[in-house]
Amino acid sequence: MKLTFIVGARPQFIKLAPIWKAAKSLKHNIRIIHTGQHYDDKLSKIFFSELGIPKPNNNLGVGSLSHAKQTGMMMEKLEAEFIQNKPDWILVFGDTNSTLAGALTASKLGIKTAHIEAGLRSYNKEMPEEINRVVTDHLSELLFVPTEQGMKNLKLEGLESKSFQTGDLMADLLKNMKKDIKAKRKKYDDYYLLTLHRPASVDNIETFNWILQQIASLEENIIFPIHPRTLNTIKTNRIKINTNIKIISPQGYSDFQTLIANCKGVLTDSGGIQKEAYLWKKPCFTIRSETEWIETVELGWNTIVKPNEGNLKKTIASWKKPEKYNNIYGNGNSAHTIIQKLSGKKSA
């Protein structure tokens, strides 16, 4: 079976690692297409080398553009790729422009698409990611869903017949690497881990300054692996960073997981990092108006702090560790479940 994986951003490289290995073990014909959406080596190349993923068969080199231009250029280049190599299945991950471009192009050419990490909903149509994930779910022939909540969301949209709960690929990878990550020497003590990269957080200077003021008010040590977009905003606007915030370069997979494993809590606007915090049983404080990972909030491990409204210091001070921890992301066998379903076999 000819499988083509479309990736372009950090979370997708992480999800690719376990499913590529599962597909390879069953001797499928695999092509990896990198759209070039994330092109900085520290957000791209390092994950391929660290996670043992082969070099992409084709790097489209699209880079940073407006949403429309970026998606359109991806589609143009993906069309040529698909026509030449004629895959049986296109596999797309998550909710980026790479996801949408892959699904749209495959649909136009009559090629079957499988969406991995389907069914997530924030119900905020102002987020480009929400548009991407909804359109991709409706275009795809198979939907591989990480959680029970995702299945409920898809049922409401009439998509249950093509939806399958598989667990989460990030849980697969962490299960396989957790022992080695725990053995790594920690670099910092007594800190919270901060990530910020969404345009709504860092391109709006008023909101970005509000977030930084909230962080400064914590009087806690903050480790901040900085995204290139965020660093550019700081430099362009000459924003002063409080002394409790230590900026470091973007981290590879195991180094970043080590930071989560040893932190007091996670402060983020990311989707995937909310999930990683949950997998490490760390409190997460999501600096957004909503989240697509609703289960983590309902179970008490994740708390929404609305920008320009919430009080981060009070929210952290009032957090209490939940008595229960539910395994909501599967048993670490998601990759094999997905590949078996694509192969027309029943999961073990």
C-alpha atoms as a PDB file:
ATOM      1  CA  MET A   1       0.000   0.000   0.000  1.00  0.00           C
ATOM      2  CA  LYS A   2       1.329   3.411  -0.998  1.00  0.00           C
ATOM      3  CA  LEU A   3       1.047   5.901   1.863  1.00  0.00           C
ATOM      4  CA  THR A   4       1.981   9.582   1.665  1.00  0.00           C
ATOM      5  CA  PHE A   5       2.375  11.498   4.925  1.00  0.00           C
ATOM      6  CA  ILE A   6       1.992  15.287   4.792  1.00  0.00           C
ATOM      7  CA  VAL A   7       3.789  17.219   7.529  1.00  0.00           C
ATOM      8  CA  GLY A   8       4.931  20.780   7.981  1.00  0.00           C
ATOM      9  CA  ALA A   9       5.023  21.780  11.663  1.00  0.00           C
ATOM     10  CA  ARG A  10       6.625  20.616  14.929  1.00  0.00           C
ATOM     11  CA  PRO A  11       3.624  18.699  16.338  1.00  0.00           C
ATOM     12  CA  GLN A  12       3.244  16.838  13.052  1.00  0.00           C
ATOM     13  CA  PHE A  13       6.860  15.646  13.071  1.00  0.00           C
ATOM     14  CA  ILE A  14       6.284  14.246  16.571  1.00  0.00           C
ATOM     15  CA  LYS A  15       3.126  12.415  15.473  1.00  0.00           C
ATOM     16  CA  LEU A  16       4.837  11.144  12.321  1.00  0.00           C
ATOM     17  CA  ALA A  17       7.559   9.253  14.222  1.00  0.00           C
ATOM     18  CA  PRO A  18       5.454   6.398  15.684  1.00  0.00           C
ATOM     19  CA  ILE A  19       3.163   5.955  12.691  1.00  0.00           C
ATOM     20  CA  TRP A  20       6.043   5.952  10.200  1.00  0.00           C
ATOM     21  CA  LYS A  21       7.657   3.156  12.228  1.00  0.00           C
ATOM     22  CA  ALA A  22       4.383   1.201  12.340  1.00  0.00           C
ATOM     23  CA  ALA A  23       3.879   1.539   8.591  1.00  0.00           C
ATOM     24  CA  LYS A  24       7.499   0.621   7.876  1.00  0.00           C
ATOM     25  CA  SER A  25       7.237  -2.502  10.034  1.00  0.00           C
ATOM     26  CA  LEU A  26       4.392  -3.712   7.796  1.00  0.00           C
ATOM     27  CA  LYS A  27       6.474  -2.936   4.676  1.00  0.00           C
ATOM     28  CA  HIS A  28       4.189  -0.300   3.223  1.00  0.00           C
ATOM     29  CA  ASN A  29       5.505   2.003   0.485  1.00  0.00           C
ATOM     30  CA  ILE A  30       5.941   5.334   2.286  1.00  0.00           C
ATOM     31  CA  ARG A  31       6.591   8.863   1.105  1.00  0.00           C
ATOM     32  CA  ILE A  32       7.070  11.808   3.479  1.00  0.00           C
ATOM     33  CA  ILE A  33       6.245  15.257   2.144  1.00  0.00           C
ATOM     34  CA  HIS A  34       7.405  18.281   4.154  1.00  0.00           C
ATOM     35  CA  THR A  35       5.559  21.428   3.122  1.00  0.00           C
ATOM     36  CA  GLY A  36       8.178  23.715   4.656  1.00  0.00           C
ATOM     37  CA  GLN A  37       5.635  25.460   6.890  1.00  0.00           C
ATOM     38  CA  HIS A  38       8.154  25.228   9.753  1.00  0.00           C
ATOM     39  CA  TYR A  39      11.553  25.660   8.181  1.00  0.00           C
ATOM     40  CA  ASP A  40      13.802  26.713  11.065  1.00  0.00           C
ATOM     41  CA  ASP A  41      16.156  23.777  11.812  1.00  0.00           C
ATOM     42  CA  LYS A  42      15.252  23.948  15.515  1.00  0.00           C
ATOM     43  CA  LEU A  43      11.565  23.520  14.665  1.00  0.00           C
ATOM     44  CA  SER A  44      12.052  20.976  11.899  1.00  0.00           C
ATOM     45  CA  LYS A  45      15.319  19.205  11.068  1.00  0.00           C
ATOM     46  CA  ILE A  46      16.171  18.416  14.701  1.00  0.00           C
ATOM     47  CA  PHE A  47      12.982  16.333  15.083  1.00  0.00           C
ATOM     48  CA  PHE A  48      13.733  14.170  12.072  1.00  0.00           C
ATOM     49  CA  SER A  49      17.249  13.382  13.252  1.00  0.00           C
ATOM     50  CA  GLU A  50      16.314  12.894  16.925  1.00  0.00           C
ATOM     51  CA  LEU A  51      13.229  10.745  16.331  1.00  0.00           C
ATOM     52  CA  GLY A  52      14.784   8.580  13.637  1.00  0.00           C
ATOM     53  CA  ILE A  53      12.496   9.750  10.850  1.00  0.00           C
ATOM     54  CA  PRO A  54      14.066   9.592   7.377  1.00  0.00           C
ATOM     55  CA  LYS A  55      14.689  12.741   5.387  1.00  0.00           C
ATOM     56  CA  PRO A  56      11.501  13.802   3.555  1.00  0.00           C
ATOM     57  CA  ASN A  57      11.162  12.544   0.004  1.00  0.00           C
ATOM     58  CA  ASN A  58      10.074  16.001  -1.042  1.00  0.00           C
ATOM     59  CA  ASN A  59      10.406  19.350   0.746  1.00  0.00           C
ATOM     60  CA  LEU A  60       8.075  21.887  -0.848  1.00  0.00           C
ATOM     61  CA  GLY A  61       9.913  24.819   0.782  1.00  0.00           C
ATOM     62  CA  VAL A  62       6.818  26.987   1.069  1.00  0.00           C
ATOM     63  CA  GLY A  63       7.926  28.972   4.143  1.00  0.00           C
ATOM     64  CA  SER A  64       6.073  31.859   5.804  1.00  0.00           C
ATOM     65  CA  LEU A  65       3.290  33.477   3.779  1.00  0.00           C
ATOM     66  CA  SER A  66      -0.265  34.649   4.386  1.00  0.00           C
ATOM     67  CA  HIS A  67      -2.756  31.836   5.050  1.00  0.00           C
ATOM     68  CA  ALA A  68      -4.205  31.997   1.547  1.00  0.00           C
ATOM     69  CA  LYS A  69      -0.876  32.225  -0.272  1.00  0.00           C
ATOM     70  CA  GLN A  70       0.732  29.524   1.859  1.00  0.00           C
ATOM     71  CA  THR A  71      -2.163  27.089   1.434  1.00  0.00           C
ATOM     72  CA  GLY A  72      -2.438  27.818  -2.290  1.00  0.00           C
ATOM     73  CA  MET A  73       1.272  27.280  -2.923  1.00  0.00           C
ATOM     74  CA  MET A  74       1.188  24.038  -0.954  1.00  0.00           C
ATOM     75  CA  MET A  75      -1.759  22.811  -3.022  1.00  0.00           C
ATOM     76  CA  GLU A  76      -0.059  23.614  -6.304  1.00  0.00           C
ATOM     77  CA  LYS A  77       3.071  21.678  -5.327  1.00  0.00           C
ATOM     78  CA  LEU A  78       1.175  18.820  -3.686  1.00  0.00           C
ATOM     79  CA  GLU A  79      -0.906  18.343  -6.825  1.00  0.00           C
ATOM     80  CA  ALA A  80       2.235  17.662  -8.867  1.00  0.00           C
ATOM     81  CA  GLU A  81       3.538  15.325  -6.151  1.00  0.00           C
ATOM     82  CA  PHE A  82       0.308  13.301  -5.973  1.00  0.00           C
ATOM     83  CA  ILE A  83      -0.138  13.034  -9.743  1.00  0.00           C
ATOM     84  CA  GLN A  84       3.416  11.782 -10.168  1.00  0.00           C
ATOM     85  CA  ASN A  85       3.456   9.266  -7.295  1.00  0.00           C
ATOM     86  CA  LYS A  86      -0.204   8.137  -7.175  1.00  0.00           C
ATOM     87  CA  PRO A  87      -0.593   7.245  -3.470  1.00  0.00           C
ATOM     88  CA  ASP A  88      -3.372   4.984  -2.207  1.00  0.00           C
ATOM     89  CA  TRP A  89      -3.814   7.114   0.902  1.00  0.00           C
ATOM     90  CA  ILE A  90      -2.863  10.626   1.943  1.00  0.00           C
ATOM     91  CA  LEU A  91      -2.396  10.955   5.708  1.00  0.00           C
ATOM     92  CA  VAL A  92      -2.650  14.398   7.278  1.00  0.00           C
ATOM     93  CA  PHE A  93      -2.188  15.391  10.913  1.00  0.00           C
ATOM     94  CA  GLY A  94      -3.837  17.947  13.160  1.00  0.00           C
ATOM     95  CA  ASP A  95      -4.994  21.374  12.053  1.00  0.00           C
ATOM     96  CA  THR A  96      -2.307  23.372  10.240  1.00  0.00           C
ATOM     97  CA  ASN A  97      -2.367  24.845   6.734  1.00  0.00           C
ATOM     98  CA  SER A  98      -0.360  21.777   5.670  1.00  0.00           C
ATOM     99  CA  THR A  99      -3.260  19.621   6.887  1.00  0.00           C
ATOM    100  CA  LEU A 100      -5.838  21.594   4.935  1.00  0.00           C
ATOM    101  CA  ALA A 101      -3.739  21.772   1.770  1.00  0.00           C
ATOM    102  CA  GLY A 102      -3.152  18.015   1.802  1.00  0.00           C
ATOM    103  CA  ALA A 103      -6.833  17.193   2.283  1.00  0.00           C
ATOM    104  CA  LEU A 104      -8.090  19.677  -0.315  1.00  0.00           C
ATOM    105  CA  THR A 105      -5.602  18.592  -2.960  1.00  0.00           C
ATOM    106  CA  ALA A 106      -6.258  14.891  -2.404  1.00  0.00           C
ATOM    107  CA  SER A 107     -10.020  15.481  -2.547  1.00  0.00           C
ATOM    108  CA  LYS A 108      -9.754  17.331  -5.868  1.00  0.00           C
ATOM    109  CA  LEU A 109      -7.757  14.426  -7.308  1.00  0.00           C
ATOM    110  CA  GLY A 110     -10.015  11.697  -5.922  1.00  0.00           C
ATOM    111  CA  ILE A 111      -7.330  10.292  -3.607  1.00  0.00           C
ATOM    112  CA  LYS A 112      -8.440   8.904  -0.242  1.00  0.00           C
ATOM    113  CA  THR A 113      -7.461  10.945   2.805  1.00  0.00           C
ATOM    114  CA  ALA A 114      -7.127   9.893   6.432  1.00  0.00           C
ATOM    115  CA  HIS A 115      -7.125  12.601   9.093  1.00  0.00           C
ATOM    116  CA  ILE A 116      -5.113  11.794  12.208  1.00  0.00           C
ATOM    117  CA  GLU A 117      -6.123  13.742  15.342  1.00  0.00           C
ATOM    118  CA  ALA A 118      -9.592  14.310  13.948  1.00  0.00           C
ATOM    119  CA  GLY A 119     -12.628  15.514  15.867  1.00  0.00           C
ATOM    120  CA  LEU A 120     -11.075  18.299  17.923  1.00  0.00           C
ATOM    121  CA  ARG A 121     -13.215  21.399  18.284  1.00  0.00           C
ATOM    122  CA  SER A 122     -12.632  24.703  20.049  1.00  0.00           C
ATOM    123  CA  TYR A 123     -15.800  26.206  18.512  1.00  0.00           C
ATOM    124  CA  ASN A 124     -13.904  29.412  17.821  1.00  0.00           C
ATOM    125  CA  LYS A 125     -14.165  30.122  14.094  1.00  0.00           C
ATOM    126  CA  GLU A 126     -11.750  33.045  14.442  1.00  0.00           C
ATOM    127  CA  MET A 127      -8.940  30.507  14.847  1.00  0.00           C
ATOM    128  CA  PRO A 128      -7.523  29.392  11.473  1.00  0.00           C
ATOM    129  CA  GLU A 129      -6.841  25.982  13.036  1.00  0.00           C
ATOM    130  CA  GLU A 130     -10.544  25.475  13.731  1.00  0.00           C
ATOM    131  CA  ILE A 131     -11.415  26.068  10.079  1.00  0.00           C
ATOM    132  CA  ASN A 132      -8.638  23.710   8.989  1.00  0.00           C
ATOM    133  CA  ARG A 133      -9.716  20.845  11.247  1.00  0.00           C
ATOM    134  CA  VAL A 134     -13.443  21.115  10.445  1.00  0.00           C
ATOM    135  CA  VAL A 135     -12.916  21.218   6.657  1.00  0.00           C
ATOM    136  CA  THR A 136     -10.378  18.373   6.800  1.00  0.00           C
ATOM    137  CA  ASP A 137     -12.737  16.168   8.822  1.00  0.00           C
ATOM    138  CA  HIS A 138     -15.531  16.651   6.298  1.00  0.00           C
ATOM    139  CA  LEU A 139     -13.287  15.957   3.301  1.00  0.00           C
ATOM    140  CA  SER A 140     -11.525  12.862   4.654  1.00  0.00           C
ATOM    141  CA  GLU A 141     -12.578   9.241   4.081  1.00  0.00           C
ATOM    142  CA  LEU A 142     -11.306   8.056   7.467  1.00  0.00           C
ATOM    143  CA  LEU A 143     -11.089   9.977  10.738  1.00  0.00           C
ATOM    144  CA  PHE A 144      -8.729   8.737  13.434  1.00  0.00           C
ATOM    145  CA  VAL A 145      -9.815  10.305  16.692  1.00  0.00           C
ATOM    146  CA  PRO A 146      -7.658  10.552  19.837  1.00  0.00           C
ATOM    147  CA  THR A 147     -10.396  10.840  22.471  1.00  0.00           C
ATOM    148  CA  GLU A 148     -13.977  10.068  23.392  1.00  0.00           C
ATOM    149  CA  GLN A 149     -14.816  13.790  23.257  1.00  0.00           C
ATOM    150  CA  GLY A 150     -13.606  13.916  19.677  1.00  0.00           C
ATOM    151  CA  MET A 151     -15.951  11.057  18.788  1.00  0.00           C
ATOM    152  CA  LYS A 152     -18.863  12.961  20.373  1.00  0.00           C
ATOM    153  CA  ASN A 153     -17.989  16.070  18.351  1.00  0.00           C
ATOM    154  CA  LEU A 154     -17.963  14.145  15.087  1.00  0.00           C
ATOM    155  CA  LYS A 155     -21.254  12.409  15.864  1.00  0.00           C
ATOM    156  CA  LEU A 156     -22.879  15.829  16.224  1.00  0.00           C
ATOM    157  CA  GLU A 157     -21.676  16.641  12.696  1.00  0.00           C
ATOM    158  CA  GLY A 158     -22.935  13.382  11.207  1.00  0.00           C
ATOM    159  CA  LEU A 159     -19.455  11.933  10.685  1.00  0.00           C
ATOM    160  CA  GLU A 160     -19.564   9.001  13.104  1.00  0.00           C
ATOM    161  CA  SER A 161     -19.666   6.304  10.391  1.00  0.00           C
ATOM    162  CA  LYS A 162     -16.133   7.118   9.250  1.00  0.00           C
ATOM    163  CA  SER A 163     -14.715   7.917  12.708  1.00  0.00           C
ATOM    164  CA  PHE A 164     -12.584   5.595  14.822  1.00  0.00           C
ATOM    165  CA  GLN A 165     -11.204   6.226  18.300  1.00  0.00           C
ATOM    166  CA  THR A 166      -7.543   5.230  18.247  1.00  0.00           C
ATOM    167  CA  GLY A 167      -5.814   7.053  21.077  1.00  0.00           C
ATOM    168  CA  ASP A 168      -3.120   9.623  20.495  1.00  0.00           C
ATOM    169  CA  LEU A 169       0.199   9.279  18.664  1.00  0.00           C
ATOM    170  CA  MET A 170       1.917  11.632  21.117  1.00  0.00           C
ATOM    171  CA  ALA A 171       1.082   9.150  23.872  1.00  0.00           C
ATOM    172  CA  ASP A 172       2.676   6.393  21.752  1.00  0.00           C
ATOM    173  CA  LEU A 173       5.919   8.291  21.369  1.00  0.00           C
ATOM    174  CA  LEU A 174       6.141   9.388  24.984  1.00  0.00           C
ATOM    175  CA  LYS A 175       5.471   5.845  26.207  1.00  0.00           C
ATOM    176  CA  ASN A 176       8.425   4.592  24.162  1.00  0.00           C
ATOM    177  CA  MET A 177      10.783   7.381  25.237  1.00  0.00           C
ATOM    178  CA  LYS A 178       9.681   8.183  28.789  1.00  0.00           C
ATOM    179  CA  LYS A 179      12.314   6.038  30.506  1.00  0.00           C
ATOM    180  CA  ASP A 180      15.158   7.724  28.606  1.00  0.00           C
ATOM    181  CA  ILE A 181      13.676  11.188  29.178  1.00  0.00           C
ATOM    182  CA  LYS A 182      13.422  10.599  32.933  1.00  0.00           C
ATOM    183  CA  ALA A 183      17.080   9.566  32.962  1.00  0.00           C
ATOM    184  CA  LYS A 184      18.228  12.850  31.394  1.00  0.00           C
ATOM    185  CA  ARG A 185      19.898  15.374  33.692  1.00  0.00           C
ATOM    186  CA  LYS A 186      17.663  18.357  34.368  1.00  0.00           C
ATOM    187  CA  LYS A 187      19.106  21.785  33.593  1.00  0.00           C
ATOM    188  CA  TYR A 188      16.865  23.966  35.759  1.00  0.00           C
ATOM    189  CA  ASP A 189      15.206  23.825  39.173  1.00  0.00           C
ATOM    190  CA  ASP A 190      11.984  25.267  40.602  1.00  0.00           C
ATOM    191  CA  TYR A 191      10.428  26.736  37.460  1.00  0.00           C
ATOM    192  CA  TYR A 192       7.319  27.020  35.326  1.00  0.00           C
ATOM    193  CA  LEU A 193       7.592  26.267  31.611  1.00  0.00           C
ATOM    194  CA  LEU A 194       6.222  28.896  29.208  1.00  0.00           C
ATOM    195  CA  THR A 195       5.439  28.648  25.482  1.00  0.00           C
ATOM    196  CA  LEU A 196       3.754  31.284  23.318  1.00  0.00           C
ATOM    197  CA  HIS A 197       3.474  31.282  19.541  1.00  0.00           C
ATOM    198  CA  ARG A 198      -0.084  31.857  18.321  1.00  0.00           C
ATOM    199  CA  PRO A 199      -0.716  35.077  16.348  1.00  0.00           C
ATOM    200  CA  ALA A 200      -3.542  35.989  18.748  1.00  0.00           C
ATOM    201  CA  SER A 201      -1.026  35.894  21.617  1.00  0.00           C
ATOM    202  CA  VAL A 202       2.111  37.442  20.166  1.00  0.00           C
ATOM    203  CA  ASP A 203       1.103  39.537  17.135  1.00  0.00           C
ATOM    204  CA  ASN A 204      -1.353  41.623  19.150  1.00  0.00           C
ATOM    205  CA  ILE A 205       1.016  43.790  21.188  1.00  0.00           C
ATOM    206  CA  GLU A 206      -1.606  44.738  23.781  1.00  0.00           C
ATOM    207  CA  THR A 207      -2.371  41.078  24.462  1.00  0.00           C
ATOM    208  CA  PHE A 208       1.286  40.073  24.402  1.00  0.00           C
ATOM    209  CA  ASN A 209       2.183  42.759  26.931  1.00  0.00           C
ATOM    210  CA  TRP A 210      -0.723  41.664  29.142  1.00  0.00           C
ATOM    211  CA  ILE A 211       0.561  38.076  29.075  1.00  0.00           C
ATOM    212  CA  LEU A 212       4.111  39.158  29.924  1.00  0.00           C
ATOM    213  CA  GLN A 213       2.830  41.304  32.814  1.00  0.00           C
ATOM    214  CA  GLN A 214       0.860  38.345  34.152  1.00  0.00           C
ATOM    215  CA  ILE A 215       3.974  36.156  33.924  1.00  0.00           C
ATOM    216  CA  ALA A 216       6.094  38.776  35.687  1.00  0.00           C
ATOM    217  CA  SER A 217       3.548  39.004  38.518  1.00  0.00           C
ATOM    218  CA  LEU A 218       4.074  35.341  39.406  1.00  0.00           C
ATOM    219  CA  GLU A 219       7.443  35.977  41.049  1.00  0.00           C
ATOM    220  CA  GLU A 220       8.437  32.505  39.854  1.00  0.00           C
ATOM    221  CA  ASN A 221      11.291  31.337  37.684  1.00  0.00           C
ATOM    222  CA  ILE A 222      10.078  30.957  34.101  1.00  0.00           C
ATOM    223  CA  ILE A 223      11.845  28.968  31.376  1.00  0.00           C
ATOM    224  CA  PHE A 224      10.727  30.180  27.959  1.00  0.00           C
ATOM    225  CA  PRO A 225      11.821  28.210  24.841  1.00  0.00           C
ATOM    226  CA  ILE A 226      11.029  30.879  22.313  1.00  0.00           C
ATOM    227  CA  HIS A 227       9.367  30.463  18.947  1.00  0.00           C
ATOM    228  CA  PRO A 228      10.873  32.508  16.058  1.00  0.00           C
ATOM    229  CA  ARG A 229       7.569  34.372  15.602  1.00  0.00           C
ATOM    230  CA  THR A 230       7.586  35.424  19.268  1.00  0.00           C
ATOM    231  CA  LEU A 231      11.237  36.425  19.219  1.00  0.00           C
ATOM    232  CA  ASN A 232      10.598  38.573  16.157  1.00  0.00           C
ATOM    233  CA  THR A 233       7.751  40.380  17.957  1.00  0.00           C
ATOM    234  CA  ILE A 234       9.978  41.085  20.958  1.00  0.00           C
ATOM    235  CA  LYS A 235      12.825  42.433  18.818  1.00  0.00           C
ATOM    236  CA  THR A 236      10.657  44.440  16.439  1.00  0.00           C
ATOM    237  CA  ASN A 237       8.768  46.149  19.264  1.00  0.00           C
ATOM    238  CA  ARG A 238      11.745  46.367  21.644  1.00  0.00           C
ATOM    239  CA  ILE A 239       9.764  44.674  24.384  1.00  0.00           C
ATOM    240  CA  LYS A 240      11.508  44.395  27.725  1.00  0.00           C
ATOM    241  CA  ILE A 241      11.415  40.963  29.328  1.00  0.00           C
ATOM    242  CA  ASN A 242      11.176  40.699  33.108  1.00  0.00           C
ATOM    243  CA  THR A 243      14.153  39.219  34.947  1.00  0.00           C
ATOM    244  CA  ASN A 244      12.173  36.162  36.154  1.00  0.00           C
ATOM    245  CA  ILE A 245      11.825  34.976  32.536  1.00  0.00           C
ATOM    246  CA  LYS A 246      14.760  33.075  31.049  1.00  0.00           C
ATOM    247  CA  ILE A 247      14.555  32.864  27.268  1.00  0.00           C
ATOM    248  CA  ILE A 248      16.159  29.816  25.679  1.00  0.00           C
ATOM    249  CA  SER A 249      16.241  28.555  22.083  1.00  0.00           C
ATOM    250  CA  PRO A 250      13.590  26.157  20.725  1.00  0.00           C
ATOM    251  CA  GLN A 251      14.133  22.643  22.040  1.00  0.00           C
ATOM    252  CA  GLY A 252      14.200  19.222  20.429  1.00  0.00           C
ATOM    253  CA  TYR A 253      11.734  16.559  21.493  1.00  0.00           C
ATOM    254  CA  SER A 254      13.543  14.903  24.409  1.00  0.00           C
ATOM    255  CA  ASP A 255      14.936  18.175  25.792  1.00  0.00           C
ATOM    256  CA  PHE A 256      11.484  19.749  25.730  1.00  0.00           C
ATOM    257  CA  GLN A 257       9.906  16.714  27.387  1.00  0.00           C
ATOM    258  CA  THR A 258      12.591  16.916  30.075  1.00  0.00           C
ATOM    259  CA  LEU A 259      11.565  20.518  30.700  1.00  0.00           C
ATOM    260  CA  ILE A 260       7.928  19.446  31.134  1.00  0.00           C
ATOM    261  CA  ALA A 261       8.840  16.469  33.316  1.00  0.00           C
ATOM    262  CA  ASN A 262      10.711  18.644  35.805  1.00  0.00           C
ATOM    263  CA  CYS A 263       8.606  21.811  35.863  1.00  0.00           C
ATOM    264  CA  LYS A 264       6.089  22.975  38.486  1.00  0.00           C
ATOM    265  CA  GLY A 265       3.516  23.662  35.786  1.00  0.00           C
ATOM    266  CA  VAL A 266       3.034  24.650  32.149  1.00  0.00           C
ATOM    267  CA  LEU A 267       1.896  28.045  30.844  1.00  0.00           C
ATOM    268  CA  THR A 268       0.992  27.903  27.166  1.00  0.00           C
ATOM    269  CA  ASP A 269      -1.171  28.913  24.229  1.00  0.00           C
ATOM    270  CA  SER A 270      -0.311  25.710  22.366  1.00  0.00           C
ATOM    271  CA  GLY A 271      -2.687  22.843  21.698  1.00  0.00           C
ATOM    272  CA  GLY A 272      -0.251  19.944  21.724  1.00  0.00           C
ATOM    273  CA  ILE A 273       1.593  21.121  24.810  1.00  0.00           C
ATOM    274  CA  GLN A 274      -1.636  21.078  26.831  1.00  0.00           C
ATOM    275  CA  LYS A 275      -1.804  17.402  25.968  1.00  0.00           C
ATOM    276  CA  GLU A 276       1.865  16.772  26.768  1.00  0.00           C
ATOM    277  CA  ALA A 277       1.414  18.453  30.161  1.00  0.00           C
ATOM    278  CA  TYR A 278      -1.479  16.086  30.863  1.00  0.00           C
ATOM    279  CA  LEU A 279       0.589  13.057  29.855  1.00  0.00           C
ATOM    280  CA  TRP A 280       3.217  14.133  32.428  1.00  0.00           C
ATOM    281  CA  LYS A 281       0.533  14.855  35.057  1.00  0.00           C
ATOM    282  CA  LYS A 282       1.534  18.511  35.239  1.00  0.00           C
ATOM    283  CA  PRO A 283      -0.889  21.384  35.838  1.00  0.00           C
ATOM    284  CA  CYS A 284      -1.421  23.401  32.684  1.00  0.00           C
ATOM    285  CA  PHE A 285      -2.617  26.988  32.487  1.00  0.00           C
ATOM    286  CA  THR A 286      -3.779  27.723  28.956  1.00  0.00           C
ATOM    287  CA  ILE A 287      -3.629  31.393  28.025  1.00  0.00           C
ATOM    288  CA  ARG A 288      -6.457  31.363  25.521  1.00  0.00           C
ATOM    289  CA  SER A 289     -10.209  31.953  25.550  1.00  0.00           C
ATOM    290  CA  GLU A 290     -10.947  28.256  24.891  1.00  0.00           C
ATOM    291  CA  THR A 291      -9.319  24.903  24.180  1.00  0.00           C
ATOM    292  CA  GLU A 292      -9.881  21.991  21.826  1.00  0.00           C
ATOM    293  CA  TRP A 293      -8.634  19.618  24.581  1.00  0.00           C
ATOM    294  CA  ILE A 294     -11.820  19.933  26.626  1.00  0.00           C
ATOM    295  CA  GLU A 295     -11.203  16.728  28.606  1.00  0.00           C
ATOM    296  CA  THR A 296      -8.085  18.131  30.248  1.00  0.00           C
ATOM    297  CA  VAL A 297     -10.120  21.032  31.638  1.00  0.00           C
ATOM    298  CA  GLU A 298     -13.020  18.850  32.750  1.00  0.00           C
ATOM    299  CA  LEU A 299     -10.626  16.554  34.607  1.00  0.00           C
ATOM    300  CA  GLY A 300      -9.019  19.496  36.430  1.00  0.00           C
ATOM    301  CA  TRP A 301      -5.505  19.306  35.001  1.00  0.00           C
ATOM    302  CA  ASN A 302      -5.890  22.266  32.646  1.00  0.00           C
ATOM    303  CA  THR A 303      -7.266  25.724  33.416  1.00  0.00           C
ATOM    304  CA  ILE A 304      -8.217  28.400  30.890  1.00  0.00           C
ATOM    305  CA  VAL A 305      -6.890  31.901  31.595  1.00  0.00           C
ATOM    306  CA  LYS A 306      -8.588  34.319  29.220  1.00  0.00           C
ATOM    307  CA  PRO A 307      -6.242  36.989  27.798  1.00  0.00           C
ATOM    308  CA  ASN A 308      -6.932  40.521  29.005  1.00  0.00           C
ATOM    309  CA  GLU A 309      -9.464  39.162  31.511  1.00  0.00           C
ATOM    310  CA  GLY A 310      -8.060  36.450  33.753  1.00  0.00           C
ATOM    311  CA  ASN A 311      -5.648  36.579  36.675  1.00  0.00           C
ATOM    312  CA  LEU A 312      -2.858  34.065  36.162  1.00  0.00           C
ATOM    313  CA  LYS A 313      -1.359  34.425  39.643  1.00  0.00           C
ATOM    314  CA  LYS A 314      -4.680  33.797  41.412  1.00  0.00           C
ATOM    315  CA  THR A 315      -5.518  30.934  39.056  1.00  0.00           C
ATOM    316  CA  ILE A 316      -2.250  29.148  39.801  1.00  0.00           C
ATOM    317  CA  ALA A 317      -2.556  29.786  43.538  1.00  0.00           C
ATOM    318  CA  SER A 318      -6.068  28.293  43.635  1.00  0.00           C
ATOM    319  CA  TRP A 319      -5.263  25.168  41.588  1.00  0.00           C
ATOM    320  CA  LYS A 320      -5.569  21.887  43.466  1.00  0.00           C
ATOM    321  CA  LYS A 321      -4.259  18.590  42.157  1.00  0.00           C
ATOM    322  CA  PRO A 322      -7.160  16.354  41.046  1.00  0.00           C
ATOM    323  CA  GLU A 323      -7.681  13.158  42.973  1.00  0.00           C
ATOM    324  CA  LYS A 324      -8.121  11.148  39.772  1.00  0.00           C
ATOM    325  CA  TYR A 325      -6.071  10.810  36.601  1.00  0.00           C
ATOM    326  CA  ASN A 326      -7.807   9.191  33.644  1.00  0.00           C
ATOM    327  CA  ASN A 327      -5.938   7.627  30.742  1.00  0.00           C
ATOM    328  CA  ILE A 328      -7.747   9.571  28.014  1.00  0.00           C
ATOM    329  CA  TYR A 329      -5.133   9.264  25.251  1.00  0.00           C
ATOM    330  CA  GLY A 330      -4.921   5.508  24.807  1.00  0.00           C
ATOM    331  CA  ASN A 331      -2.531   2.695  25.642  1.00  0.00           C
ATOM    332  CA  GLY A 332       0.373   3.684  23.400  1.00  0.00           C
ATOM    333  CA  ASN A 333      -0.742   1.530  20.474  1.00  0.00           C
ATOM    334  CA  SER A 334      -2.414   4.202  18.343  1.00  0.00           C
ATOM    335  CA  ALA A 335      -0.013   3.957  15.405  1.00  0.00           C
ATOM    336  CA  HIS A 336      -0.556   0.235  14.859  1.00  0.00           C
ATOM    337  CA  THR A 337      -4.334   0.663  15.245  1.00  0.00           C
ATOM    338  CA  ILE A 338      -4.354   3.322  12.511  1.00  0.00           C
ATOM    339  CA  ILE A 339      -2.172   1.371  10.081  1.00  0.00           C
ATOM    340  CA  GLN A 340      -4.199  -1.803  10.587  1.00  0.00           C
ATOM    341  CA  LYS A 341      -7.408   0.085   9.862  1.00  0.00           C
ATOM    342  CA  LEU A 342      -5.914   1.503   6.671  1.00  0.00           C
ATOM    343  CA  SER A 343      -4.839  -1.996   5.693  1.00  0.00           C
ATOM    344  CA  GLY A 344      -8.380  -3.288   6.168  1.00  0.00           C
ATOM    345  CA  LYS A 345      -7.398  -5.393   9.169  1.00  0.00           C
ATOM    346  CA  LYS A 346      -8.971  -5.487  12.593  1.00  0.00           C
ATOM    347  CA  SER A 347      -6.990  -3.940  15.427  1.00  0.00           C
ATOM    348  CA  ALA A 348      -5.414  -6.396  17.849  1.00  0.00           C
END
